[in-house]
Amino acid sequence: MPPSTPHAAPTATHHLLPTPAGRTHAVQQGHQGPLVLLLHGFPESWYAWRHQLPVLAAAGYRAVAIDVRGYGRSSKPESVDAYRMLDLVADNVAVVEALGERSAVVVGHDWGASIAAVSALTRPDVFRAVGLLSVPYTPPGGPRPSEVFAAMAGEGPGKGTGDGTGDGAGEEFYVSYFQRPGRAEAEIEPDMRGWLAGFYAAVSADTMPAPDAPAPYFVSPGGTLRDRFPAGVLPSWLGERDLDVYAGEFERTGMTGALNRYRNMDRDWADLADRAGAPIAQPSLFIGGERDASLAWPAGALNAFPETLPGLVGLHILDGCGHFVQQERPDGTNRILLDWLASLPT
């Protein structure tokens, strides 16, 4: 059962909480009830959860969305290796403790989904349930991530995968493109607002390129990621004011902190080697967009959920939805989240 009868959501409050990062910026609505910790993805901020915070609070939950380390008003350590997954898990645990709680439900989108999953995997004593949006859980282990991403695009003449992801003519997958410090920043930061608009449009259902157009997740030799973004159009979920919020934060902070998450994937692989193949046992939820490429890249991840997420309560693929599920489909996402949260043991 929900923790209380729905009521008008209280006003959001902003906090700077002490964490291993230094400080973590948290936005809270609802000051009583079970804690729900919300983790955003790339390239976003706590603002990605603006449609969920008041709804969860009105339903009687203590909803808290944070700026992940490297974003917004949270600390941005200089060292690249300060953005490894276990450091982000430690931040999440510290947020729960700083809020005076012992446990939380953790929900994440995109990179936030991966961070939420590892938080639940490594700290089941703190995170009693986990909700994943857009990016399915795949247990640690397997090949080194950098090798996987290199193979996805071929990254050399005649080395394409043949699955339509890259054309095999020296294309580079975006995760590989992000690896070298300063490279992607040089593309993005001179026109932060324009780049973000194009990125959001490229992976949103109503503005993404046609299926027969060059995939926007790859970079041609000598080109940039932006070359394949739609131009001059915003997805329906993103108003000019919303874009102002996102762009304003990144114009102030730069993009390096956000990109450093991508630059630690091989470190994460090594850090979590002792968890290879480990399932997440807690109650879990997955929501994805039917038109989101993130569902296809980890081959077989959804079919493996009975083994990898044995506590799965709900699996929802939203028809005609792209990558930004909680912003593209806020009402549907909220209904699913509330039903799932109500089903959890207290």
C-alpha atoms as a PDB file:
ATOM      1  CA  MET A   1       0.000   0.000   0.000  1.00  0.00           C
ATOM      2  CA  PRO A   2       1.148   3.592  -0.551  1.00  0.00           C
ATOM      3  CA  PRO A   3       2.550   5.206   2.587  1.00  0.00           C
ATOM      4  CA  SER A   4      -0.233   7.753   2.822  1.00  0.00           C
ATOM      5  CA  THR A   5      -3.222   9.268   1.084  1.00  0.00           C
ATOM      6  CA  PRO A   6      -2.161  11.416  -1.908  1.00  0.00           C
ATOM      7  CA  HIS A   7      -2.008  15.126  -1.168  1.00  0.00           C
ATOM      8  CA  ALA A   8      -0.632  18.305  -2.684  1.00  0.00           C
ATOM      9  CA  ALA A   9       3.122  18.090  -3.167  1.00  0.00           C
ATOM     10  CA  PRO A  10       5.235  20.280  -0.893  1.00  0.00           C
ATOM     11  CA  THR A  11       7.632  22.799  -2.359  1.00  0.00           C
ATOM     12  CA  ALA A  12      10.988  21.482  -3.503  1.00  0.00           C
ATOM     13  CA  THR A  13      13.968  22.243  -1.278  1.00  0.00           C
ATOM     14  CA  HIS A  14      17.638  22.254  -2.277  1.00  0.00           C
ATOM     15  CA  HIS A  15      20.412  20.839  -0.101  1.00  0.00           C
ATOM     16  CA  LEU A  16      24.188  20.506  -0.333  1.00  0.00           C
ATOM     17  CA  LEU A  17      25.027  17.255   1.446  1.00  0.00           C
ATOM     18  CA  PRO A  18      28.473  16.054   2.555  1.00  0.00           C
ATOM     19  CA  THR A  19      29.610  13.048   0.505  1.00  0.00           C
ATOM     20  CA  PRO A  20      32.935  11.537  -0.572  1.00  0.00           C
ATOM     21  CA  ALA A  21      32.707  13.714  -3.697  1.00  0.00           C
ATOM     22  CA  GLY A  22      32.897  16.747  -1.399  1.00  0.00           C
ATOM     23  CA  ARG A  23      29.288  17.822  -1.654  1.00  0.00           C
ATOM     24  CA  THR A  24      26.240  16.471  -3.476  1.00  0.00           C
ATOM     25  CA  HIS A  25      23.408  18.743  -4.530  1.00  0.00           C
ATOM     26  CA  ALA A  26      20.041  17.185  -3.715  1.00  0.00           C
ATOM     27  CA  VAL A  27      16.545  18.417  -4.548  1.00  0.00           C
ATOM     28  CA  GLN A  28      13.819  17.092  -2.278  1.00  0.00           C
ATOM     29  CA  GLN A  29      10.051  17.048  -2.383  1.00  0.00           C
ATOM     30  CA  GLY A  30       8.244  15.348   0.462  1.00  0.00           C
ATOM     31  CA  HIS A  31       9.804  15.258   3.894  1.00  0.00           C
ATOM     32  CA  GLN A  32       8.221  12.097   5.257  1.00  0.00           C
ATOM     33  CA  GLY A  33       7.617   8.598   3.993  1.00  0.00           C
ATOM     34  CA  PRO A  34       9.968   6.095   2.333  1.00  0.00           C
ATOM     35  CA  LEU A  35      13.003   7.633   0.659  1.00  0.00           C
ATOM     36  CA  VAL A  36      13.201   7.358  -3.147  1.00  0.00           C
ATOM     37  CA  LEU A  37      16.587   8.404  -4.537  1.00  0.00           C
ATOM     38  CA  LEU A  38      16.537   9.480  -8.202  1.00  0.00           C
ATOM     39  CA  LEU A  39      19.696   9.389 -10.360  1.00  0.00           C
ATOM     40  CA  HIS A  40      19.912  11.145 -13.732  1.00  0.00           C
ATOM     41  CA  GLY A  41      21.896  10.212 -16.823  1.00  0.00           C
ATOM     42  CA  PHE A  42      24.014  11.919 -19.486  1.00  0.00           C
ATOM     43  CA  PRO A  43      23.862  14.803 -20.281  1.00  0.00           C
ATOM     44  CA  GLU A  44      21.306  15.908 -17.706  1.00  0.00           C
ATOM     45  CA  SER A  45      20.950  16.892 -14.025  1.00  0.00           C
ATOM     46  CA  TRP A  46      18.485  16.515 -11.169  1.00  0.00           C
ATOM     47  CA  TYR A  47      16.078  18.440 -13.435  1.00  0.00           C
ATOM     48  CA  ALA A  48      15.463  15.264 -15.447  1.00  0.00           C
ATOM     49  CA  TRP A  49      13.153  14.188 -12.585  1.00  0.00           C
ATOM     50  CA  ARG A  50      11.073  17.394 -12.467  1.00  0.00           C
ATOM     51  CA  HIS A  51       7.907  15.480 -13.459  1.00  0.00           C
ATOM     52  CA  GLN A  52       8.434  12.736 -10.881  1.00  0.00           C
ATOM     53  CA  LEU A  53       9.409  14.681  -7.759  1.00  0.00           C
ATOM     54  CA  PRO A  54       6.021  16.338  -7.087  1.00  0.00           C
ATOM     55  CA  VAL A  55       4.037  13.220  -7.974  1.00  0.00           C
ATOM     56  CA  LEU A  56       6.056  10.986  -5.673  1.00  0.00           C
ATOM     57  CA  ALA A  57       5.857  13.571  -2.895  1.00  0.00           C
ATOM     58  CA  ALA A  58       2.089  13.914  -3.300  1.00  0.00           C
ATOM     59  CA  ALA A  59       1.784  10.130  -2.960  1.00  0.00           C
ATOM     60  CA  GLY A  60       3.598  10.226   0.390  1.00  0.00           C
ATOM     61  CA  TYR A  61       7.188   9.488  -0.576  1.00  0.00           C
ATOM     62  CA  ARG A  62      10.325  11.416   0.282  1.00  0.00           C
ATOM     63  CA  ALA A  63      11.587  11.984  -3.250  1.00  0.00           C
ATOM     64  CA  VAL A  64      15.168  13.185  -3.694  1.00  0.00           C
ATOM     65  CA  ALA A  65      16.897  13.812  -7.035  1.00  0.00           C
ATOM     66  CA  ILE A  66      20.612  14.535  -6.996  1.00  0.00           C
ATOM     67  CA  ASP A  67      23.190  16.010  -9.296  1.00  0.00           C
ATOM     68  CA  VAL A  68      25.561  13.090  -9.777  1.00  0.00           C
ATOM     69  CA  ARG A  69      29.248  13.792  -9.034  1.00  0.00           C
ATOM     70  CA  GLY A  70      30.595  15.967 -11.856  1.00  0.00           C
ATOM     71  CA  TYR A  71      27.253  17.630 -12.633  1.00  0.00           C
ATOM     72  CA  GLY A  72      25.455  20.789 -11.619  1.00  0.00           C
ATOM     73  CA  ARG A  73      26.064  22.022  -8.097  1.00  0.00           C
ATOM     74  CA  SER A  74      27.720  18.797  -6.929  1.00  0.00           C
ATOM     75  CA  SER A  75      31.480  18.584  -6.552  1.00  0.00           C
ATOM     76  CA  LYS A  76      33.656  17.895  -9.567  1.00  0.00           C
ATOM     77  CA  PRO A  77      36.924  16.211  -8.578  1.00  0.00           C
ATOM     78  CA  GLU A  78      39.762  16.912 -10.995  1.00  0.00           C
ATOM     79  CA  SER A  79      41.123  13.388 -11.307  1.00  0.00           C
ATOM     80  CA  VAL A  80      39.554  11.291 -14.063  1.00  0.00           C
ATOM     81  CA  ASP A  81      39.609   8.168 -11.901  1.00  0.00           C
ATOM     82  CA  ALA A  82      37.524   9.907  -9.226  1.00  0.00           C
ATOM     83  CA  TYR A  83      34.462   9.092 -11.349  1.00  0.00           C
ATOM     84  CA  ARG A  84      34.616   5.320 -11.106  1.00  0.00           C
ATOM     85  CA  MET A  85      31.383   3.524 -10.286  1.00  0.00           C
ATOM     86  CA  LEU A  86      32.215   2.578  -6.708  1.00  0.00           C
ATOM     87  CA  ASP A  87      32.882   6.241  -5.889  1.00  0.00           C
ATOM     88  CA  LEU A  88      29.419   7.140  -7.161  1.00  0.00           C
ATOM     89  CA  VAL A  89      27.899   4.353  -5.061  1.00  0.00           C
ATOM     90  CA  ALA A  90      29.678   5.803  -2.021  1.00  0.00           C
ATOM     91  CA  ASP A  91      28.125   9.201  -2.787  1.00  0.00           C
ATOM     92  CA  ASN A  92      24.666   7.631  -2.885  1.00  0.00           C
ATOM     93  CA  VAL A  93      25.163   5.892   0.444  1.00  0.00           C
ATOM     94  CA  ALA A  94      26.354   9.160   1.972  1.00  0.00           C
ATOM     95  CA  VAL A  95      23.274  10.985   0.640  1.00  0.00           C
ATOM     96  CA  VAL A  96      20.986   8.455   2.331  1.00  0.00           C
ATOM     97  CA  GLU A  97      22.896   8.838   5.595  1.00  0.00           C
ATOM     98  CA  ALA A  98      22.984  12.646   5.381  1.00  0.00           C
ATOM     99  CA  LEU A  99      19.204  12.633   5.012  1.00  0.00           C
ATOM    100  CA  GLY A 100      18.941  10.678   8.265  1.00  0.00           C
ATOM    101  CA  GLU A 101      17.771   7.468   6.613  1.00  0.00           C
ATOM    102  CA  ARG A 102      19.049   3.920   6.743  1.00  0.00           C
ATOM    103  CA  SER A 103      17.630   2.669   3.466  1.00  0.00           C
ATOM    104  CA  ALA A 104      16.173   3.884   0.186  1.00  0.00           C
ATOM    105  CA  VAL A 105      14.649   2.782  -3.069  1.00  0.00           C
ATOM    106  CA  VAL A 106      17.035   3.848  -5.832  1.00  0.00           C
ATOM    107  CA  VAL A 107      15.787   4.676  -9.336  1.00  0.00           C
ATOM    108  CA  GLY A 108      18.033   5.685 -12.215  1.00  0.00           C
ATOM    109  CA  HIS A 109      17.859   6.616 -15.885  1.00  0.00           C
ATOM    110  CA  ASP A 110      20.609   6.062 -18.480  1.00  0.00           C
ATOM    111  CA  TRP A 111      23.954   6.229 -16.618  1.00  0.00           C
ATOM    112  CA  GLY A 112      21.841   6.687 -13.510  1.00  0.00           C
ATOM    113  CA  ALA A 113      20.346   3.240 -14.151  1.00  0.00           C
ATOM    114  CA  SER A 114      23.792   1.665 -14.201  1.00  0.00           C
ATOM    115  CA  ILE A 115      24.775   3.555 -11.045  1.00  0.00           C
ATOM    116  CA  ALA A 116      21.523   2.495  -9.375  1.00  0.00           C
ATOM    117  CA  ALA A 117      22.097  -1.125 -10.341  1.00  0.00           C
ATOM    118  CA  VAL A 118      25.626  -1.232  -8.926  1.00  0.00           C
ATOM    119  CA  SER A 119      24.416   0.584  -5.818  1.00  0.00           C
ATOM    120  CA  ALA A 120      21.840  -2.154  -5.256  1.00  0.00           C
ATOM    121  CA  LEU A 121      24.320  -4.894  -6.131  1.00  0.00           C
ATOM    122  CA  THR A 122      27.091  -3.761  -3.809  1.00  0.00           C
ATOM    123  CA  ARG A 123      25.060  -2.185  -0.984  1.00  0.00           C
ATOM    124  CA  PRO A 124      21.884  -4.247  -0.544  1.00  0.00           C
ATOM    125  CA  ASP A 125      21.944  -3.208   3.109  1.00  0.00           C
ATOM    126  CA  VAL A 126      21.100   0.354   2.018  1.00  0.00           C
ATOM    127  CA  PHE A 127      19.209   0.020  -1.269  1.00  0.00           C
ATOM    128  CA  ARG A 128      16.177  -2.176  -0.728  1.00  0.00           C
ATOM    129  CA  ALA A 129      14.778  -1.959  -4.268  1.00  0.00           C
ATOM    130  CA  VAL A 130      15.978  -0.688  -7.637  1.00  0.00           C
ATOM    131  CA  GLY A 131      14.227   0.853 -10.629  1.00  0.00           C
ATOM    132  CA  LEU A 132      16.036   1.036 -13.980  1.00  0.00           C
ATOM    133  CA  LEU A 133      14.996   3.279 -16.857  1.00  0.00           C
ATOM    134  CA  SER A 134      16.314   2.873 -20.430  1.00  0.00           C
ATOM    135  CA  VAL A 135      19.516   0.920 -19.697  1.00  0.00           C
ATOM    136  CA  PRO A 136      19.027  -2.754 -18.746  1.00  0.00           C
ATOM    137  CA  TYR A 137      21.072  -4.398 -16.034  1.00  0.00           C
ATOM    138  CA  THR A 138      23.951  -6.532 -17.230  1.00  0.00           C
ATOM    139  CA  PRO A 139      26.048  -8.156 -14.503  1.00  0.00           C
ATOM    140  CA  PRO A 140      29.721  -7.253 -14.193  1.00  0.00           C
ATOM    141  CA  GLY A 141      32.186  -9.375 -16.089  1.00  0.00           C
ATOM    142  CA  GLY A 142      32.619 -10.401 -19.680  1.00  0.00           C
ATOM    143  CA  PRO A 143      34.995  -8.754 -22.137  1.00  0.00           C
ATOM    144  CA  ARG A 144      36.746  -5.480 -21.331  1.00  0.00           C
ATOM    145  CA  PRO A 145      34.303  -2.630 -22.152  1.00  0.00           C
ATOM    146  CA  SER A 146      36.733  -0.723 -24.358  1.00  0.00           C
ATOM    147  CA  GLU A 147      37.093  -3.805 -26.549  1.00  0.00           C
ATOM    148  CA  VAL A 148      33.332  -4.249 -26.775  1.00  0.00           C
ATOM    149  CA  PHE A 149      32.752  -0.653 -27.852  1.00  0.00           C
ATOM    150  CA  ALA A 150      35.574  -0.773 -30.392  1.00  0.00           C
ATOM    151  CA  ALA A 151      33.995  -3.854 -31.969  1.00  0.00           C
ATOM    152  CA  MET A 152      30.543  -2.262 -32.205  1.00  0.00           C
ATOM    153  CA  ALA A 153      31.628   0.134 -34.933  1.00  0.00           C
ATOM    154  CA  GLY A 154      34.497  -1.840 -36.385  1.00  0.00           C
ATOM    155  CA  GLU A 155      36.876   1.100 -35.910  1.00  0.00           C
ATOM    156  CA  GLY A 156      38.787   0.132 -38.999  1.00  0.00           C
ATOM    157  CA  PRO A 157      38.180  -0.507 -42.695  1.00  0.00           C
ATOM    158  CA  GLY A 158      36.345  -3.736 -43.258  1.00  0.00           C
ATOM    159  CA  LYS A 159      35.757  -4.352 -39.550  1.00  0.00           C
ATOM    160  CA  GLY A 160      32.088  -3.454 -39.267  1.00  0.00           C
ATOM    161  CA  THR A 161      29.788  -5.651 -37.239  1.00  0.00           C
ATOM    162  CA  GLY A 162      27.293  -6.186 -40.014  1.00  0.00           C
ATOM    163  CA  ASP A 163      24.372  -5.458 -37.680  1.00  0.00           C
ATOM    164  CA  GLY A 164      23.611  -1.972 -38.942  1.00  0.00           C
ATOM    165  CA  THR A 165      25.294  -0.192 -36.044  1.00  0.00           C
ATOM    166  CA  GLY A 166      28.355   1.002 -37.931  1.00  0.00           C
ATOM    167  CA  ASP A 167      29.300   1.021 -41.589  1.00  0.00           C
ATOM    168  CA  GLY A 168      32.693  -0.540 -41.082  1.00  0.00           C
ATOM    169  CA  ALA A 169      34.550   2.338 -42.737  1.00  0.00           C
ATOM    170  CA  GLY A 170      36.496   3.522 -39.721  1.00  0.00           C
ATOM    171  CA  GLU A 171      33.502   4.771 -37.773  1.00  0.00           C
ATOM    172  CA  GLU A 172      33.849   5.208 -34.021  1.00  0.00           C
ATOM    173  CA  PHE A 173      31.205   4.446 -31.408  1.00  0.00           C
ATOM    174  CA  TYR A 174      30.391   7.465 -29.255  1.00  0.00           C
ATOM    175  CA  VAL A 175      31.641   5.836 -26.027  1.00  0.00           C
ATOM    176  CA  SER A 176      35.039   5.297 -27.640  1.00  0.00           C
ATOM    177  CA  TYR A 177      34.954   8.860 -28.976  1.00  0.00           C
ATOM    178  CA  PHE A 178      34.436  10.176 -25.434  1.00  0.00           C
ATOM    179  CA  GLN A 179      37.488   8.428 -23.997  1.00  0.00           C
ATOM    180  CA  ARG A 180      40.307  10.887 -24.664  1.00  0.00           C
ATOM    181  CA  PRO A 181      40.133  13.857 -22.258  1.00  0.00           C
ATOM    182  CA  GLY A 182      39.479  17.108 -24.055  1.00  0.00           C
ATOM    183  CA  ARG A 183      38.437  15.632 -27.382  1.00  0.00           C
ATOM    184  CA  ALA A 184      34.660  15.624 -26.957  1.00  0.00           C
ATOM    185  CA  GLU A 185      34.840  18.796 -24.865  1.00  0.00           C
ATOM    186  CA  ALA A 186      36.363  20.587 -27.879  1.00  0.00           C
ATOM    187  CA  GLU A 187      33.308  19.622 -29.923  1.00  0.00           C
ATOM    188  CA  ILE A 188      30.658  20.332 -27.317  1.00  0.00           C
ATOM    189  CA  GLU A 189      31.672  23.337 -25.248  1.00  0.00           C
ATOM    190  CA  PRO A 190      31.892  26.085 -27.912  1.00  0.00           C
ATOM    191  CA  ASP A 191      28.113  25.718 -28.465  1.00  0.00           C
ATOM    192  CA  MET A 192      26.799  23.899 -25.422  1.00  0.00           C
ATOM    193  CA  ARG A 193      23.137  24.783 -25.979  1.00  0.00           C
ATOM    194  CA  GLY A 194      23.142  23.821 -29.634  1.00  0.00           C
ATOM    195  CA  TRP A 195      24.990  20.569 -29.021  1.00  0.00           C
ATOM    196  CA  LEU A 196      22.633  19.540 -26.230  1.00  0.00           C
ATOM    197  CA  ALA A 197      19.585  20.337 -28.360  1.00  0.00           C
ATOM    198  CA  GLY A 198      20.938  18.134 -31.120  1.00  0.00           C
ATOM    199  CA  PHE A 199      21.848  15.300 -28.769  1.00  0.00           C
ATOM    200  CA  TYR A 200      18.425  15.283 -27.128  1.00  0.00           C
ATOM    201  CA  ALA A 201      16.718  15.361 -30.527  1.00  0.00           C
ATOM    202  CA  ALA A 202      18.882  12.526 -31.860  1.00  0.00           C
ATOM    203  CA  VAL A 203      17.610   9.981 -29.313  1.00  0.00           C
ATOM    204  CA  SER A 204      14.027  11.194 -28.718  1.00  0.00           C
ATOM    205  CA  ALA A 205      11.263   9.341 -30.531  1.00  0.00           C
ATOM    206  CA  ASP A 206       9.683  12.283 -32.343  1.00  0.00           C
ATOM    207  CA  THR A 207      12.912  13.823 -33.647  1.00  0.00           C
ATOM    208  CA  MET A 208      15.424  10.989 -34.062  1.00  0.00           C
ATOM    209  CA  PRO A 209      16.871  10.374 -37.534  1.00  0.00           C
ATOM    210  CA  ALA A 210      15.022   8.027 -39.862  1.00  0.00           C
ATOM    211  CA  PRO A 211      15.991   4.351 -39.633  1.00  0.00           C
ATOM    212  CA  ASP A 212      17.840   4.524 -42.956  1.00  0.00           C
ATOM    213  CA  ALA A 213      19.826   7.645 -41.964  1.00  0.00           C
ATOM    214  CA  PRO A 214      23.355   7.384 -40.555  1.00  0.00           C
ATOM    215  CA  ALA A 215      23.156   6.364 -36.895  1.00  0.00           C
ATOM    216  CA  PRO A 216      23.763   9.315 -34.547  1.00  0.00           C
ATOM    217  CA  TYR A 217      25.770   7.177 -32.104  1.00  0.00           C
ATOM    218  CA  PHE A 218      28.797   6.976 -34.395  1.00  0.00           C
ATOM    219  CA  VAL A 219      31.457   9.387 -35.583  1.00  0.00           C
ATOM    220  CA  SER A 220      32.790   9.292 -39.131  1.00  0.00           C
ATOM    221  CA  PRO A 221      36.555   9.505 -39.689  1.00  0.00           C
ATOM    222  CA  GLY A 222      37.621  13.109 -39.138  1.00  0.00           C
ATOM    223  CA  GLY A 223      34.104  14.114 -38.124  1.00  0.00           C
ATOM    224  CA  THR A 224      32.216  14.890 -34.939  1.00  0.00           C
ATOM    225  CA  LEU A 225      29.294  13.317 -33.178  1.00  0.00           C
ATOM    226  CA  ARG A 226      27.207  16.401 -33.898  1.00  0.00           C
ATOM    227  CA  ASP A 227      27.470  15.887 -37.649  1.00  0.00           C
ATOM    228  CA  ARG A 228      24.601  13.385 -37.475  1.00  0.00           C
ATOM    229  CA  PHE A 229      22.341  15.211 -35.027  1.00  0.00           C
ATOM    230  CA  PRO A 230      19.029  16.681 -36.232  1.00  0.00           C
ATOM    231  CA  ALA A 231      19.317  20.459 -36.604  1.00  0.00           C
ATOM    232  CA  GLY A 232      16.832  23.187 -35.738  1.00  0.00           C
ATOM    233  CA  VAL A 233      14.283  20.996 -33.971  1.00  0.00           C
ATOM    234  CA  LEU A 234      13.492  20.221 -30.346  1.00  0.00           C
ATOM    235  CA  PRO A 235      11.724  17.071 -29.161  1.00  0.00           C
ATOM    236  CA  SER A 236       8.223  17.670 -27.847  1.00  0.00           C
ATOM    237  CA  TRP A 237       9.235  16.989 -24.237  1.00  0.00           C
ATOM    238  CA  LEU A 238      11.917  19.699 -24.278  1.00  0.00           C
ATOM    239  CA  GLY A 239      10.768  23.303 -24.128  1.00  0.00           C
ATOM    240  CA  GLU A 240      13.076  26.260 -24.609  1.00  0.00           C
ATOM    241  CA  ARG A 241      13.056  26.871 -20.851  1.00  0.00           C
ATOM    242  CA  ASP A 242      13.999  23.245 -20.172  1.00  0.00           C
ATOM    243  CA  LEU A 243      16.877  23.531 -22.604  1.00  0.00           C
ATOM    244  CA  ASP A 244      17.922  26.760 -20.887  1.00  0.00           C
ATOM    245  CA  VAL A 245      18.143  24.908 -17.560  1.00  0.00           C
ATOM    246  CA  TYR A 246      20.301  22.103 -18.924  1.00  0.00           C
ATOM    247  CA  ALA A 247      22.502  24.356 -21.043  1.00  0.00           C
ATOM    248  CA  GLY A 248      22.936  26.886 -18.242  1.00  0.00           C
ATOM    249  CA  GLU A 249      24.340  24.258 -15.894  1.00  0.00           C
ATOM    250  CA  PHE A 250      26.795  22.869 -18.433  1.00  0.00           C
ATOM    251  CA  GLU A 251      27.865  26.326 -19.592  1.00  0.00           C
ATOM    252  CA  ARG A 252      28.760  27.035 -15.976  1.00  0.00           C
ATOM    253  CA  THR A 253      30.482  23.730 -15.199  1.00  0.00           C
ATOM    254  CA  GLY A 254      31.796  22.498 -18.528  1.00  0.00           C
ATOM    255  CA  MET A 255      31.317  18.924 -19.747  1.00  0.00           C
ATOM    256  CA  THR A 256      34.413  17.195 -18.367  1.00  0.00           C
ATOM    257  CA  GLY A 257      32.845  15.933 -15.136  1.00  0.00           C
ATOM    258  CA  ALA A 258      30.005  14.317 -17.055  1.00  0.00           C
ATOM    259  CA  LEU A 259      32.301  12.779 -19.669  1.00  0.00           C
ATOM    260  CA  ASN A 260      34.651  11.383 -17.033  1.00  0.00           C
ATOM    261  CA  ARG A 261      32.034   8.750 -16.202  1.00  0.00           C
ATOM    262  CA  TYR A 262      32.622   7.214 -19.642  1.00  0.00           C
ATOM    263  CA  ARG A 263      36.369   7.312 -19.056  1.00  0.00           C
ATOM    264  CA  ASN A 264      36.166   4.874 -16.138  1.00  0.00           C
ATOM    265  CA  MET A 265      34.392   1.918 -17.700  1.00  0.00           C
ATOM    266  CA  ASP A 266      37.505  -0.255 -17.844  1.00  0.00           C
ATOM    267  CA  ARG A 267      38.320   0.707 -14.236  1.00  0.00           C
ATOM    268  CA  ASP A 268      34.790  -0.313 -13.225  1.00  0.00           C
ATOM    269  CA  TRP A 269      35.271  -3.621 -15.016  1.00  0.00           C
ATOM    270  CA  ALA A 270      38.357  -4.287 -12.898  1.00  0.00           C
ATOM    271  CA  ASP A 271      36.838  -2.947  -9.658  1.00  0.00           C
ATOM    272  CA  LEU A 272      33.798  -5.212  -9.975  1.00  0.00           C
ATOM    273  CA  ALA A 273      35.574  -8.340 -11.198  1.00  0.00           C
ATOM    274  CA  ASP A 274      34.705 -10.180  -7.989  1.00  0.00           C
ATOM    275  CA  ARG A 275      31.005  -9.586  -8.782  1.00  0.00           C
ATOM    276  CA  ALA A 276      31.157 -11.130 -12.256  1.00  0.00           C
ATOM    277  CA  GLY A 277      27.792 -12.600 -13.220  1.00  0.00           C
ATOM    278  CA  ALA A 278      26.141 -11.516  -9.960  1.00  0.00           C
ATOM    279  CA  PRO A 279      22.354 -10.978 -10.009  1.00  0.00           C
ATOM    280  CA  ILE A 280      20.495  -8.238  -8.142  1.00  0.00           C
ATOM    281  CA  ALA A 281      18.134  -9.949  -5.725  1.00  0.00           C
ATOM    282  CA  GLN A 282      16.100  -6.983  -4.465  1.00  0.00           C
ATOM    283  CA  PRO A 283      12.702  -6.101  -5.947  1.00  0.00           C
ATOM    284  CA  SER A 284      13.358  -4.398  -9.282  1.00  0.00           C
ATOM    285  CA  LEU A 285      11.626  -2.602 -12.133  1.00  0.00           C
ATOM    286  CA  PHE A 286      12.559  -1.843 -15.725  1.00  0.00           C
ATOM    287  CA  ILE A 287      11.030   0.789 -18.016  1.00  0.00           C
ATOM    288  CA  GLY A 288      12.329   1.277 -21.541  1.00  0.00           C
ATOM    289  CA  GLY A 289      11.407   3.059 -24.731  1.00  0.00           C
ATOM    290  CA  GLU A 290      10.509   0.890 -27.703  1.00  0.00           C
ATOM    291  CA  ARG A 291      12.558   3.136 -30.029  1.00  0.00           C
ATOM    292  CA  ASP A 292      15.594   3.384 -27.766  1.00  0.00           C
ATOM    293  CA  ALA A 293      18.811   1.834 -29.098  1.00  0.00           C
ATOM    294  CA  SER A 294      19.897   1.270 -25.491  1.00  0.00           C
ATOM    295  CA  LEU A 295      17.641  -1.795 -25.429  1.00  0.00           C
ATOM    296  CA  ALA A 296      19.486  -3.444 -28.297  1.00  0.00           C
ATOM    297  CA  TRP A 297      23.139  -2.749 -27.465  1.00  0.00           C
ATOM    298  CA  PRO A 298      23.442  -5.108 -24.470  1.00  0.00           C
ATOM    299  CA  ALA A 299      22.384  -8.130 -26.511  1.00  0.00           C
ATOM    300  CA  GLY A 300      20.033 -10.448 -24.680  1.00  0.00           C
ATOM    301  CA  ALA A 301      19.888  -8.324 -21.522  1.00  0.00           C
ATOM    302  CA  LEU A 302      16.090  -8.243 -21.321  1.00  0.00           C
ATOM    303  CA  ASN A 303      15.760 -11.972 -21.969  1.00  0.00           C
ATOM    304  CA  ALA A 304      18.280 -12.635 -19.199  1.00  0.00           C
ATOM    305  CA  PHE A 305      16.282 -10.761 -16.555  1.00  0.00           C
ATOM    306  CA  PRO A 306      14.889 -13.950 -14.928  1.00  0.00           C
ATOM    307  CA  GLU A 307      18.497 -14.781 -14.002  1.00  0.00           C
ATOM    308  CA  THR A 308      20.030 -11.306 -13.610  1.00  0.00           C
ATOM    309  CA  LEU A 309      17.041  -9.638 -11.894  1.00  0.00           C
ATOM    310  CA  PRO A 310      15.274 -12.494 -10.082  1.00  0.00           C
ATOM    311  CA  GLY A 311      13.301  -9.939  -8.044  1.00  0.00           C
ATOM    312  CA  LEU A 312      11.871  -8.227 -11.142  1.00  0.00           C
ATOM    313  CA  VAL A 313       8.357  -6.971 -10.425  1.00  0.00           C
ATOM    314  CA  GLY A 314       7.618  -5.207 -13.717  1.00  0.00           C
ATOM    315  CA  LEU A 315       9.054  -4.935 -17.235  1.00  0.00           C
ATOM    316  CA  HIS A 316       7.533  -2.138 -19.312  1.00  0.00           C
ATOM    317  CA  ILE A 317       8.480  -1.171 -22.874  1.00  0.00           C
ATOM    318  CA  LEU A 318       6.671   2.034 -23.847  1.00  0.00           C
ATOM    319  CA  ASP A 319       5.446   2.006 -27.455  1.00  0.00           C
ATOM    320  CA  GLY A 320       6.816   4.751 -29.668  1.00  0.00           C
ATOM    321  CA  CYS A 321       9.045   6.133 -26.908  1.00  0.00           C
ATOM    322  CA  GLY A 322      12.694   7.051 -27.229  1.00  0.00           C
ATOM    323  CA  HIS A 323      15.499   7.241 -24.712  1.00  0.00           C
ATOM    324  CA  PHE A 324      14.299   9.907 -22.258  1.00  0.00           C
ATOM    325  CA  VAL A 325      11.384   7.876 -20.940  1.00  0.00           C
ATOM    326  CA  GLN A 326      10.484   9.823 -17.792  1.00  0.00           C
ATOM    327  CA  GLN A 327      10.510  13.086 -19.750  1.00  0.00           C
ATOM    328  CA  GLU A 328       8.959  11.821 -22.987  1.00  0.00           C
ATOM    329  CA  ARG A 329       6.238   9.891 -21.129  1.00  0.00           C
ATOM    330  CA  PRO A 330       6.000  11.447 -17.656  1.00  0.00           C
ATOM    331  CA  ASP A 331       2.421  10.394 -16.890  1.00  0.00           C
ATOM    332  CA  GLY A 332       2.922   6.776 -17.910  1.00  0.00           C
ATOM    333  CA  THR A 333       6.251   6.574 -16.121  1.00  0.00           C
ATOM    334  CA  ASN A 334       4.733   8.042 -12.966  1.00  0.00           C
ATOM    335  CA  ARG A 335       1.882   5.526 -12.963  1.00  0.00           C
ATOM    336  CA  ILE A 336       4.308   2.638 -13.337  1.00  0.00           C
ATOM    337  CA  LEU A 337       6.600   3.961 -10.603  1.00  0.00           C
ATOM    338  CA  LEU A 338       3.755   4.539  -8.162  1.00  0.00           C
ATOM    339  CA  ASP A 339       2.276   1.078  -8.733  1.00  0.00           C
ATOM    340  CA  TRP A 340       5.694  -0.519  -8.257  1.00  0.00           C
ATOM    341  CA  LEU A 341       6.527   1.488  -5.142  1.00  0.00           C
ATOM    342  CA  ALA A 342       3.149   0.603  -3.642  1.00  0.00           C
ATOM    343  CA  SER A 343       3.907  -3.091  -4.161  1.00  0.00           C
ATOM    344  CA  LEU A 344       7.178  -3.019  -2.245  1.00  0.00           C
ATOM    345  CA  PRO A 345       7.389  -4.366   1.293  1.00  0.00           C
ATOM    346  CA  THR A 346       7.816  -1.595   3.847  1.00  0.00           C
END
